[in-house]
N, C-alpha and C. Protein backbone atom coordinates (compact mmCIF):
# COMPACT_ATOMS: atom_id res chain seq x y z
N MET A 1 25.96 1.94 -22.22
CA MET A 1 24.55 2.24 -22.32
C MET A 1 24.37 3.70 -22.58
N ASP A 2 23.57 4.06 -23.60
CA ASP A 2 23.14 5.53 -23.96
C ASP A 2 22.64 6.19 -22.63
N VAL A 3 23.03 7.47 -22.36
CA VAL A 3 22.52 8.25 -21.40
C VAL A 3 20.97 8.28 -21.18
N LYS A 4 20.37 8.30 -22.48
CA LYS A 4 18.89 8.45 -22.55
C LYS A 4 18.32 7.20 -21.95
N TYR A 5 18.79 6.04 -22.41
CA TYR A 5 18.34 4.60 -22.05
C TYR A 5 18.64 4.39 -20.60
N ARG A 6 19.79 4.95 -20.01
CA ARG A 6 20.16 4.78 -18.58
C ARG A 6 19.13 5.62 -17.74
N ASN A 7 18.73 6.69 -18.21
CA ASN A 7 17.79 7.38 -17.35
C ASN A 7 16.43 6.76 -17.36
N TYR A 8 16.02 6.14 -18.54
CA TYR A 8 14.71 5.34 -18.66
C TYR A 8 14.92 4.17 -17.68
N PHE A 9 16.03 3.45 -17.74
CA PHE A 9 16.14 2.25 -16.85
C PHE A 9 16.19 2.59 -15.44
N THR A 10 16.87 3.61 -15.06
CA THR A 10 16.85 4.18 -13.64
C THR A 10 15.46 4.46 -13.21
N LEU A 11 14.66 5.28 -14.12
CA LEU A 11 13.23 5.60 -13.82
C LEU A 11 12.43 4.16 -13.55
N PHE A 12 12.50 3.22 -14.49
CA PHE A 12 11.91 2.05 -14.36
C PHE A 12 12.13 1.30 -13.07
N VAL A 13 13.50 1.24 -12.66
CA VAL A 13 13.87 0.52 -11.43
C VAL A 13 13.24 1.20 -10.18
N TYR A 14 13.31 2.59 -10.30
CA TYR A 14 12.73 3.37 -9.08
C TYR A 14 11.23 3.22 -9.03
N LEU A 15 10.50 3.16 -10.22
CA LEU A 15 9.11 2.96 -10.09
C LEU A 15 8.73 1.50 -9.64
N TYR A 16 9.54 0.53 -10.05
CA TYR A 16 9.33 -0.85 -9.64
C TYR A 16 9.29 -1.00 -8.16
N ILE A 17 10.52 -0.46 -7.74
CA ILE A 17 10.76 -0.63 -6.20
C ILE A 17 9.70 0.18 -5.46
N TYR A 18 9.29 1.36 -5.90
CA TYR A 18 8.30 2.21 -5.26
C TYR A 18 6.96 1.42 -5.24
N SER A 19 6.67 0.80 -6.24
CA SER A 19 5.25 0.14 -6.44
C SER A 19 5.18 -0.98 -5.54
N LYS A 20 6.46 -1.79 -5.23
CA LYS A 20 6.43 -2.83 -4.36
C LYS A 20 6.39 -2.46 -2.94
N THR A 21 6.94 -1.29 -2.56
CA THR A 21 6.76 -0.89 -1.18
C THR A 21 5.46 -0.24 -1.01
N LEU A 22 4.75 0.27 -1.84
CA LEU A 22 3.49 1.00 -1.74
C LEU A 22 2.35 -0.08 -1.60
N TYR A 23 2.55 -1.17 -2.47
CA TYR A 23 1.51 -2.14 -2.51
C TYR A 23 1.92 -3.43 -1.87
N MET A 24 1.84 -3.43 -0.54
CA MET A 24 2.30 -4.61 0.21
C MET A 24 1.05 -5.42 0.55
N GLU A 25 1.12 -6.76 0.35
CA GLU A 25 0.03 -7.65 0.74
C GLU A 25 0.36 -8.26 2.19
N ARG A 26 -0.66 -8.42 2.87
CA ARG A 26 -0.48 -8.99 4.08
C ARG A 26 -1.51 -10.13 4.33
N LYS A 27 -1.47 -10.92 5.30
CA LYS A 27 -2.42 -11.94 5.49
C LYS A 27 -3.00 -11.87 6.94
N ALA A 28 -4.11 -12.37 7.14
CA ALA A 28 -4.88 -12.41 8.34
C ALA A 28 -5.64 -13.80 8.36
N TYR A 29 -5.82 -14.40 9.62
CA TYR A 29 -6.42 -15.71 9.68
C TYR A 29 -7.37 -15.70 10.79
N PHE A 30 -8.76 -15.92 10.46
CA PHE A 30 -9.82 -15.94 11.29
C PHE A 30 -10.52 -17.26 11.31
N ALA A 31 -11.09 -17.73 12.25
CA ALA A 31 -11.92 -18.88 12.42
C ALA A 31 -13.19 -18.38 13.08
N GLY A 32 -14.34 -18.53 12.54
CA GLY A 32 -15.70 -18.16 13.18
C GLY A 32 -16.79 -18.82 12.61
N GLY A 33 -16.82 -20.18 12.86
CA GLY A 33 -17.90 -20.97 12.34
C GLY A 33 -17.57 -21.44 10.90
N CYS A 34 -18.67 -21.81 10.13
CA CYS A 34 -18.52 -22.40 8.88
C CYS A 34 -17.70 -21.32 7.95
N PHE A 35 -16.68 -21.73 7.28
CA PHE A 35 -15.96 -20.72 6.61
C PHE A 35 -16.58 -20.21 5.38
N TRP A 36 -17.52 -20.61 4.89
CA TRP A 36 -18.25 -20.29 3.74
C TRP A 36 -18.83 -18.86 3.95
N GLY A 37 -19.54 -18.67 5.13
CA GLY A 37 -20.02 -17.33 5.47
C GLY A 37 -18.92 -16.23 5.72
N VAL A 38 -17.93 -16.67 6.48
CA VAL A 38 -16.86 -15.75 6.69
C VAL A 38 -16.16 -15.43 5.58
N GLU A 39 -15.86 -16.30 4.60
CA GLU A 39 -15.20 -15.95 3.38
C GLU A 39 -16.11 -15.07 2.45
N HIS A 40 -17.43 -15.33 2.36
CA HIS A 40 -18.27 -14.53 1.60
C HIS A 40 -18.32 -13.01 2.01
N LEU A 41 -18.44 -12.83 3.36
CA LEU A 41 -18.61 -11.51 3.90
C LEU A 41 -17.24 -10.77 3.81
N MET A 42 -16.11 -11.43 4.17
CA MET A 42 -14.86 -10.79 4.06
C MET A 42 -14.55 -10.27 2.65
N GLN A 43 -14.84 -11.12 1.65
CA GLN A 43 -14.59 -10.73 0.21
C GLN A 43 -15.20 -9.43 -0.12
N GLN A 44 -16.33 -9.02 0.76
CA GLN A 44 -16.91 -7.74 0.32
C GLN A 44 -16.21 -6.56 0.81
N GLN A 45 -15.23 -6.76 1.73
CA GLN A 45 -14.49 -5.63 2.27
C GLN A 45 -13.57 -4.96 1.35
N GLU A 46 -13.55 -3.69 1.12
CA GLU A 46 -12.67 -2.99 0.23
C GLU A 46 -11.17 -3.15 0.76
N GLY A 47 -10.30 -3.45 -0.10
CA GLY A 47 -8.92 -3.69 0.30
C GLY A 47 -8.56 -5.19 0.55
N VAL A 48 -9.64 -6.00 0.60
CA VAL A 48 -9.39 -7.43 0.56
C VAL A 48 -9.13 -7.91 -0.85
N ILE A 49 -7.93 -8.66 -1.06
CA ILE A 49 -7.52 -9.07 -2.36
C ILE A 49 -8.08 -10.39 -2.58
N SER A 50 -8.09 -11.43 -1.59
CA SER A 50 -8.63 -12.73 -1.79
C SER A 50 -8.93 -13.35 -0.32
N VAL A 51 -9.77 -14.27 -0.45
CA VAL A 51 -10.11 -15.00 0.82
C VAL A 51 -10.15 -16.52 0.47
N VAL A 52 -9.35 -17.26 1.18
CA VAL A 52 -9.36 -18.79 0.97
C VAL A 52 -9.87 -19.48 2.12
N SER A 53 -10.66 -20.39 1.91
CA SER A 53 -11.17 -21.31 3.07
C SER A 53 -10.20 -22.41 3.39
N GLY A 54 -10.08 -22.77 4.56
CA GLY A 54 -9.01 -23.86 4.98
C GLY A 54 -9.18 -24.17 6.39
N TYR A 55 -8.05 -24.72 6.88
CA TYR A 55 -8.04 -25.18 8.26
C TYR A 55 -6.75 -24.83 8.92
N MET A 56 -6.94 -24.38 10.18
CA MET A 56 -5.66 -24.20 11.12
C MET A 56 -5.99 -24.50 12.55
N GLY A 57 -4.84 -24.72 13.24
CA GLY A 57 -4.97 -24.94 14.67
C GLY A 57 -4.97 -26.35 15.14
N GLY A 58 -4.78 -27.25 14.22
CA GLY A 58 -4.69 -28.66 14.51
C GLY A 58 -3.37 -29.32 14.42
N ASP A 59 -3.31 -30.64 14.68
CA ASP A 59 -2.03 -31.29 14.55
C ASP A 59 -1.88 -32.34 13.56
N LYS A 60 -2.92 -32.57 12.58
CA LYS A 60 -2.68 -33.41 11.44
C LYS A 60 -2.27 -32.62 10.20
N GLU A 61 -1.27 -33.06 9.42
CA GLU A 61 -0.89 -32.58 8.23
C GLU A 61 -1.89 -32.71 7.08
N ASN A 62 -2.04 -31.62 6.41
CA ASN A 62 -3.03 -31.63 5.24
C ASN A 62 -4.47 -32.36 5.49
N PRO A 63 -5.10 -31.87 6.59
CA PRO A 63 -6.25 -32.53 6.86
C PRO A 63 -7.38 -32.42 5.78
N THR A 64 -8.34 -33.24 5.75
CA THR A 64 -9.58 -33.24 4.86
C THR A 64 -10.62 -32.66 5.67
N TYR A 65 -11.69 -32.30 4.97
CA TYR A 65 -12.96 -31.82 5.62
C TYR A 65 -13.45 -32.84 6.45
N GLN A 66 -13.54 -34.25 5.95
CA GLN A 66 -14.13 -35.27 6.74
C GLN A 66 -13.26 -35.46 8.00
N GLN A 67 -12.03 -35.40 7.93
CA GLN A 67 -11.23 -35.49 9.19
C GLN A 67 -11.53 -34.38 10.17
N VAL A 68 -11.50 -33.11 9.68
CA VAL A 68 -11.81 -31.91 10.51
C VAL A 68 -13.17 -32.15 11.22
N LYS A 69 -14.19 -32.48 10.47
CA LYS A 69 -15.55 -32.54 10.99
C LYS A 69 -15.60 -33.72 11.98
N SER A 70 -14.78 -34.73 11.96
CA SER A 70 -14.90 -35.80 12.85
C SER A 70 -14.24 -35.55 14.13
N HIS A 71 -13.69 -34.23 14.36
CA HIS A 71 -13.19 -33.75 15.60
C HIS A 71 -11.84 -34.54 16.11
N THR A 72 -11.14 -34.86 15.15
CA THR A 72 -9.97 -35.72 15.56
C THR A 72 -8.68 -34.90 15.15
N THR A 73 -8.78 -33.85 14.56
CA THR A 73 -7.45 -33.29 14.06
C THR A 73 -7.26 -31.97 14.94
N GLY A 74 -8.12 -31.42 15.54
CA GLY A 74 -7.97 -30.23 16.43
C GLY A 74 -8.09 -28.94 15.56
N HIS A 75 -8.30 -28.94 14.31
CA HIS A 75 -8.38 -27.85 13.36
C HIS A 75 -9.64 -27.04 13.38
N ALA A 76 -9.62 -25.80 13.20
CA ALA A 76 -10.79 -24.89 13.08
C ALA A 76 -10.92 -24.58 11.61
N GLU A 77 -12.25 -24.52 11.17
CA GLU A 77 -12.45 -23.95 9.76
C GLU A 77 -12.06 -22.51 9.89
N THR A 78 -11.11 -22.22 8.98
CA THR A 78 -10.32 -20.83 9.14
C THR A 78 -10.28 -20.26 7.64
N VAL A 79 -10.32 -18.89 7.64
CA VAL A 79 -10.15 -18.31 6.28
C VAL A 79 -8.80 -17.41 6.44
N GLU A 80 -8.11 -17.52 5.12
CA GLU A 80 -6.92 -16.90 5.07
C GLU A 80 -7.24 -15.61 4.16
N ILE A 81 -7.09 -14.60 4.73
CA ILE A 81 -7.35 -13.26 3.99
C ILE A 81 -6.16 -12.56 3.59
N THR A 82 -6.06 -12.17 2.25
CA THR A 82 -4.86 -11.52 1.82
C THR A 82 -5.50 -10.07 1.53
N TYR A 83 -4.77 -9.05 2.08
CA TYR A 83 -5.28 -7.69 1.97
C TYR A 83 -4.24 -6.75 1.80
N ASN A 84 -4.66 -5.68 1.32
CA ASN A 84 -3.69 -4.47 1.12
C ASN A 84 -3.88 -3.55 2.32
N PRO A 85 -2.71 -3.38 3.27
CA PRO A 85 -2.91 -2.63 4.39
C PRO A 85 -2.93 -1.04 4.04
N GLN A 86 -2.53 -0.66 2.77
CA GLN A 86 -2.71 0.61 2.39
C GLN A 86 -4.28 1.14 2.20
N ILE A 87 -5.13 0.04 2.06
CA ILE A 87 -6.58 0.25 1.88
C ILE A 87 -7.33 0.00 3.06
N VAL A 88 -6.98 -1.18 3.77
CA VAL A 88 -7.79 -1.65 4.83
C VAL A 88 -6.85 -2.12 6.03
N SER A 89 -7.11 -1.77 7.18
CA SER A 89 -6.25 -2.22 8.36
C SER A 89 -6.61 -3.48 8.98
N TYR A 90 -5.64 -4.02 9.61
CA TYR A 90 -5.85 -5.22 10.24
C TYR A 90 -6.99 -4.99 11.45
N GLU A 91 -6.95 -3.83 11.99
CA GLU A 91 -7.99 -3.56 13.10
C GLU A 91 -9.38 -3.49 12.34
N THR A 92 -9.57 -2.96 11.17
CA THR A 92 -10.75 -2.86 10.53
C THR A 92 -11.26 -4.40 10.12
N LEU A 93 -10.34 -5.11 9.72
CA LEU A 93 -10.76 -6.66 9.37
C LEU A 93 -11.18 -7.42 10.73
N LEU A 94 -10.44 -7.04 11.79
CA LEU A 94 -10.85 -7.71 13.14
C LEU A 94 -12.15 -7.45 13.57
N LYS A 95 -12.59 -5.93 13.40
CA LYS A 95 -13.80 -5.43 13.83
C LYS A 95 -14.90 -6.04 12.98
N LEU A 96 -14.55 -6.27 11.65
CA LEU A 96 -15.59 -6.82 10.83
C LEU A 96 -15.73 -8.30 11.08
N PHE A 97 -14.73 -8.95 11.40
CA PHE A 97 -14.76 -10.34 11.78
C PHE A 97 -15.68 -10.57 12.99
N MET A 98 -15.41 -9.60 14.02
CA MET A 98 -16.25 -9.77 15.28
C MET A 98 -17.73 -9.36 14.97
N GLU A 99 -18.02 -8.78 14.01
CA GLU A 99 -19.50 -8.40 13.56
C GLU A 99 -20.07 -9.47 12.68
N ILE A 100 -19.34 -10.28 11.94
CA ILE A 100 -19.98 -11.15 11.04
C ILE A 100 -20.22 -12.63 11.63
N HIS A 101 -19.67 -12.86 12.95
CA HIS A 101 -19.92 -14.10 13.57
C HIS A 101 -20.24 -13.68 15.04
N ASP A 102 -20.70 -14.64 15.75
CA ASP A 102 -21.06 -14.41 17.13
C ASP A 102 -19.85 -14.93 18.01
N PRO A 103 -19.13 -13.94 18.59
CA PRO A 103 -17.83 -14.18 19.23
C PRO A 103 -18.20 -14.75 20.73
N THR A 104 -19.47 -14.88 21.06
CA THR A 104 -19.94 -15.28 22.41
C THR A 104 -20.30 -16.85 22.37
N GLN A 105 -20.34 -17.42 21.27
CA GLN A 105 -20.74 -18.82 21.23
C GLN A 105 -19.50 -19.62 21.17
N LEU A 106 -19.56 -20.72 22.13
CA LEU A 106 -18.35 -21.49 22.35
C LEU A 106 -18.52 -22.73 21.43
N ASN A 107 -17.46 -22.92 20.47
CA ASN A 107 -17.51 -24.14 19.62
C ASN A 107 -18.80 -24.39 18.82
N ARG A 108 -19.25 -23.22 18.34
CA ARG A 108 -20.43 -23.25 17.42
C ARG A 108 -20.68 -21.89 16.76
N GLN A 109 -21.44 -21.99 15.75
CA GLN A 109 -22.05 -20.67 15.09
C GLN A 109 -23.48 -21.09 14.71
N GLY A 110 -24.53 -20.75 15.35
CA GLY A 110 -25.83 -21.11 15.01
C GLY A 110 -26.08 -22.60 15.08
N VAL A 111 -26.48 -23.13 13.95
CA VAL A 111 -26.67 -24.63 13.89
C VAL A 111 -25.45 -25.51 13.79
N ASP A 112 -24.33 -24.87 13.46
CA ASP A 112 -23.16 -25.57 13.18
C ASP A 112 -22.50 -25.74 14.53
N VAL A 113 -22.24 -26.89 15.05
CA VAL A 113 -21.79 -27.18 16.41
C VAL A 113 -20.61 -28.18 16.34
N GLY A 114 -19.54 -27.87 17.04
CA GLY A 114 -18.44 -28.72 17.14
C GLY A 114 -17.16 -27.71 17.26
N PRO A 115 -15.97 -28.29 17.76
CA PRO A 115 -14.89 -27.42 18.00
C PRO A 115 -14.18 -26.96 16.71
N GLN A 116 -14.59 -27.39 15.50
CA GLN A 116 -14.10 -26.92 14.31
C GLN A 116 -14.73 -25.58 13.94
N TYR A 117 -15.81 -25.29 14.65
CA TYR A 117 -16.54 -24.03 14.39
C TYR A 117 -16.22 -22.96 15.44
N ARG A 118 -15.16 -23.19 16.16
CA ARG A 118 -14.88 -22.24 17.32
C ARG A 118 -14.41 -20.79 16.62
N SER A 119 -14.54 -19.91 17.60
CA SER A 119 -14.18 -18.54 17.31
C SER A 119 -12.60 -18.26 17.75
N GLU A 120 -11.79 -18.01 16.68
CA GLU A 120 -10.41 -17.86 17.00
C GLU A 120 -9.75 -17.01 16.06
N ILE A 121 -8.90 -16.18 16.55
CA ILE A 121 -7.96 -15.17 15.80
C ILE A 121 -6.62 -15.75 15.83
N PHE A 122 -6.01 -16.17 14.74
CA PHE A 122 -4.68 -16.60 14.61
C PHE A 122 -3.79 -15.43 14.36
N TYR A 123 -2.85 -14.94 15.05
CA TYR A 123 -2.09 -13.82 14.82
C TYR A 123 -0.63 -14.26 14.28
N LEU A 124 0.03 -13.32 13.50
CA LEU A 124 1.26 -13.47 12.92
C LEU A 124 2.29 -12.64 13.58
N THR A 125 1.87 -11.53 14.23
CA THR A 125 2.91 -10.64 14.84
C THR A 125 2.30 -10.30 16.28
N GLU A 126 3.18 -9.78 17.06
CA GLU A 126 2.75 -9.32 18.44
C GLU A 126 1.76 -8.13 18.31
N GLU A 127 2.05 -7.29 17.29
CA GLU A 127 1.07 -6.15 17.09
C GLU A 127 -0.39 -6.70 16.84
N GLU A 128 -0.45 -7.80 15.97
CA GLU A 128 -1.77 -8.31 15.73
C GLU A 128 -2.38 -8.96 17.04
N ARG A 129 -1.64 -9.59 17.87
CA ARG A 129 -2.04 -10.21 19.01
C ARG A 129 -2.57 -8.91 19.96
N GLU A 130 -1.87 -7.98 20.06
CA GLU A 130 -2.31 -6.76 20.87
C GLU A 130 -3.50 -6.19 20.36
N CYS A 131 -3.69 -6.13 19.05
CA CYS A 131 -4.84 -5.58 18.41
C CYS A 131 -6.03 -6.38 18.78
N ALA A 132 -5.84 -7.64 18.61
CA ALA A 132 -6.95 -8.64 18.85
C ALA A 132 -7.48 -8.68 20.35
N VAL A 133 -6.43 -8.67 21.25
CA VAL A 133 -6.75 -8.55 22.67
C VAL A 133 -7.54 -7.24 23.02
N GLY A 134 -7.10 -6.13 22.36
CA GLY A 134 -7.80 -4.88 22.41
C GLY A 134 -9.28 -4.86 21.99
N ILE A 135 -9.48 -5.46 20.94
CA ILE A 135 -10.78 -5.45 20.28
C ILE A 135 -11.80 -6.30 21.17
N ILE A 136 -11.20 -7.49 21.55
CA ILE A 136 -12.03 -8.23 22.53
C ILE A 136 -12.37 -7.51 23.78
N GLN A 137 -11.43 -6.83 24.34
CA GLN A 137 -11.72 -5.96 25.50
C GLN A 137 -12.63 -5.02 25.37
N ILE A 138 -12.70 -4.27 24.20
CA ILE A 138 -13.76 -3.41 23.89
C ILE A 138 -15.06 -4.11 24.06
N LEU A 139 -15.22 -5.37 23.35
CA LEU A 139 -16.54 -5.98 23.40
C LEU A 139 -16.84 -6.48 24.79
N LYS A 140 -15.90 -6.86 25.63
CA LYS A 140 -16.10 -7.26 26.99
C LYS A 140 -16.68 -6.04 27.73
N ASP A 141 -15.98 -4.92 27.52
CA ASP A 141 -16.46 -3.64 28.25
C ASP A 141 -17.91 -3.20 27.82
N LYS A 142 -18.32 -3.74 26.68
CA LYS A 142 -19.58 -3.41 26.27
C LYS A 142 -20.72 -4.43 26.77
N GLY A 143 -20.12 -5.39 27.42
CA GLY A 143 -20.98 -6.44 28.09
C GLY A 143 -21.09 -7.72 27.36
N PHE A 144 -20.37 -7.99 26.25
CA PHE A 144 -20.24 -9.31 25.47
C PHE A 144 -19.41 -10.21 26.33
N ASP A 145 -19.88 -11.47 26.38
CA ASP A 145 -19.10 -12.49 26.98
C ASP A 145 -18.39 -13.23 25.84
N VAL A 146 -17.27 -12.57 25.53
CA VAL A 146 -16.50 -13.19 24.26
C VAL A 146 -15.67 -14.36 24.71
N VAL A 147 -15.81 -15.31 23.83
CA VAL A 147 -15.08 -16.70 24.09
C VAL A 147 -13.91 -16.86 22.87
N THR A 148 -13.71 -15.91 22.14
CA THR A 148 -12.87 -15.98 21.13
C THR A 148 -11.39 -16.14 21.62
N ARG A 149 -10.76 -17.14 20.97
CA ARG A 149 -9.36 -17.36 21.38
C ARG A 149 -8.48 -16.54 20.52
N VAL A 150 -7.31 -16.17 21.07
CA VAL A 150 -6.24 -15.51 20.42
C VAL A 150 -4.92 -16.31 20.48
N THR A 151 -4.61 -16.91 19.26
CA THR A 151 -3.64 -17.91 19.20
C THR A 151 -2.60 -17.65 18.14
N PRO A 152 -1.34 -17.95 18.39
CA PRO A 152 -0.22 -17.81 17.22
C PRO A 152 -0.59 -18.60 16.21
N ALA A 153 -0.54 -18.00 14.91
CA ALA A 153 -0.81 -18.69 13.72
C ALA A 153 0.18 -19.96 13.57
N SER A 154 -0.47 -21.04 12.97
CA SER A 154 0.26 -22.25 12.67
C SER A 154 0.06 -22.45 11.18
N ARG A 155 0.29 -23.59 10.65
CA ARG A 155 0.26 -23.91 9.23
C ARG A 155 -1.14 -23.79 8.76
N PHE A 156 -1.45 -23.11 7.71
CA PHE A 156 -2.71 -23.09 7.03
C PHE A 156 -2.83 -24.05 5.98
N TRP A 157 -3.97 -24.89 5.98
CA TRP A 157 -4.09 -25.86 5.06
C TRP A 157 -5.36 -25.44 4.26
N MET A 158 -5.23 -25.25 2.90
CA MET A 158 -6.38 -24.90 1.98
C MET A 158 -7.30 -25.99 2.02
N ALA A 159 -8.65 -25.71 2.18
CA ALA A 159 -9.64 -26.69 2.11
C ALA A 159 -9.92 -27.08 0.70
N GLU A 160 -10.62 -28.18 0.50
CA GLU A 160 -10.82 -28.76 -0.77
C GLU A 160 -11.45 -27.66 -1.67
N GLU A 161 -11.38 -27.82 -3.02
CA GLU A 161 -11.80 -26.85 -4.10
C GLU A 161 -13.26 -26.66 -3.95
N TYR A 162 -14.02 -27.66 -3.65
CA TYR A 162 -15.45 -27.27 -3.61
C TYR A 162 -15.90 -26.41 -2.51
N HIS A 163 -15.07 -26.13 -1.49
CA HIS A 163 -15.35 -25.19 -0.43
C HIS A 163 -14.98 -23.74 -0.83
N GLN A 164 -14.23 -23.57 -1.84
CA GLN A 164 -13.71 -22.07 -2.13
C GLN A 164 -14.89 -21.40 -3.00
N ASN A 165 -15.07 -20.21 -2.47
CA ASN A 165 -16.14 -19.24 -3.05
C ASN A 165 -17.50 -20.01 -3.04
N TYR A 166 -17.83 -20.66 -2.05
CA TYR A 166 -18.98 -21.66 -2.03
C TYR A 166 -20.22 -20.70 -2.22
N CYS A 167 -20.33 -19.75 -1.55
CA CYS A 167 -21.70 -18.90 -1.69
C CYS A 167 -21.76 -18.28 -2.96
N GLU A 168 -20.61 -17.80 -3.57
CA GLU A 168 -20.79 -17.14 -4.96
C GLU A 168 -21.01 -18.31 -5.98
N VAL A 169 -20.38 -19.33 -5.77
CA VAL A 169 -20.54 -20.45 -6.92
C VAL A 169 -22.00 -20.96 -6.79
N HIS A 170 -22.62 -21.10 -5.68
CA HIS A 170 -23.91 -21.77 -5.48
C HIS A 170 -24.98 -20.55 -5.34
N HIS A 171 -24.63 -19.34 -5.58
CA HIS A 171 -25.62 -18.21 -5.44
C HIS A 171 -26.52 -18.17 -4.27
N ILE A 172 -25.83 -18.26 -3.17
CA ILE A 172 -26.57 -18.33 -1.84
C ILE A 172 -25.96 -17.35 -0.87
N GLU A 173 -26.66 -16.86 0.04
CA GLU A 173 -26.34 -16.03 1.20
C GLU A 173 -25.96 -16.95 2.32
N PRO A 174 -24.99 -16.53 3.11
CA PRO A 174 -24.54 -17.55 4.25
C PRO A 174 -25.79 -17.52 5.22
N GLU A 175 -25.98 -18.71 5.87
CA GLU A 175 -27.11 -18.83 6.84
C GLU A 175 -26.65 -18.47 8.22
N CYS A 176 -25.42 -18.72 8.50
CA CYS A 176 -24.90 -18.63 9.94
C CYS A 176 -24.22 -17.27 10.15
N HIS A 177 -24.16 -16.60 9.21
CA HIS A 177 -23.32 -15.35 9.29
C HIS A 177 -24.15 -14.09 8.75
N VAL A 178 -24.37 -13.21 9.76
CA VAL A 178 -25.13 -11.99 9.46
C VAL A 178 -24.38 -10.94 10.15
N ARG A 179 -24.10 -9.78 9.50
CA ARG A 179 -23.36 -8.74 10.15
C ARG A 179 -24.23 -7.99 11.23
N VAL A 180 -23.69 -7.95 12.43
CA VAL A 180 -24.37 -7.32 13.52
C VAL A 180 -23.47 -6.24 14.07
N LYS A 181 -23.83 -4.89 14.01
CA LYS A 181 -22.93 -3.82 14.38
C LYS A 181 -22.58 -3.91 15.94
N ARG A 182 -21.35 -3.98 16.10
CA ARG A 182 -20.91 -4.04 17.54
C ARG A 182 -19.94 -2.87 17.93
N PHE A 183 -19.44 -2.13 16.94
CA PHE A 183 -18.43 -1.04 17.11
C PHE A 183 -19.07 0.22 16.56
């Protein structure tokens, strides 16, 4: 290989490796009532790459919306957030999550009632668990009676296609989710 091309090749490899370490994607999983509103508001956060509506926390493989809402699977309506940690931190996402749903409502959000609408943070690492517990403690210290669960993440099941980007597709604002500053 010619020296000139070897230098270009070396530079290309270096830039490729550097770009992969600089731009890492991470995932976060939150359940806070109807996933349409959580999805819609999380998508607006800078650094969020994508948000997918789905189900987590139950015992049935590949559950359907009808099965989840029948309260027989144990799943919560959950969003999978893919984000760039160089732009937005997990802590920032957690705080936003705790502001766009009511973490004091047990198994409901507004008019949506049932265990599939529970407030739950599904963590992937011990650091995420510690961060979640810390954020909840801050809210408790402020007088909030937080009922949000902090649970190890399990398998995420993507919801049916008609649930994805629901608010955007139907040009609506979420009814059960409004941001309330708590931090």
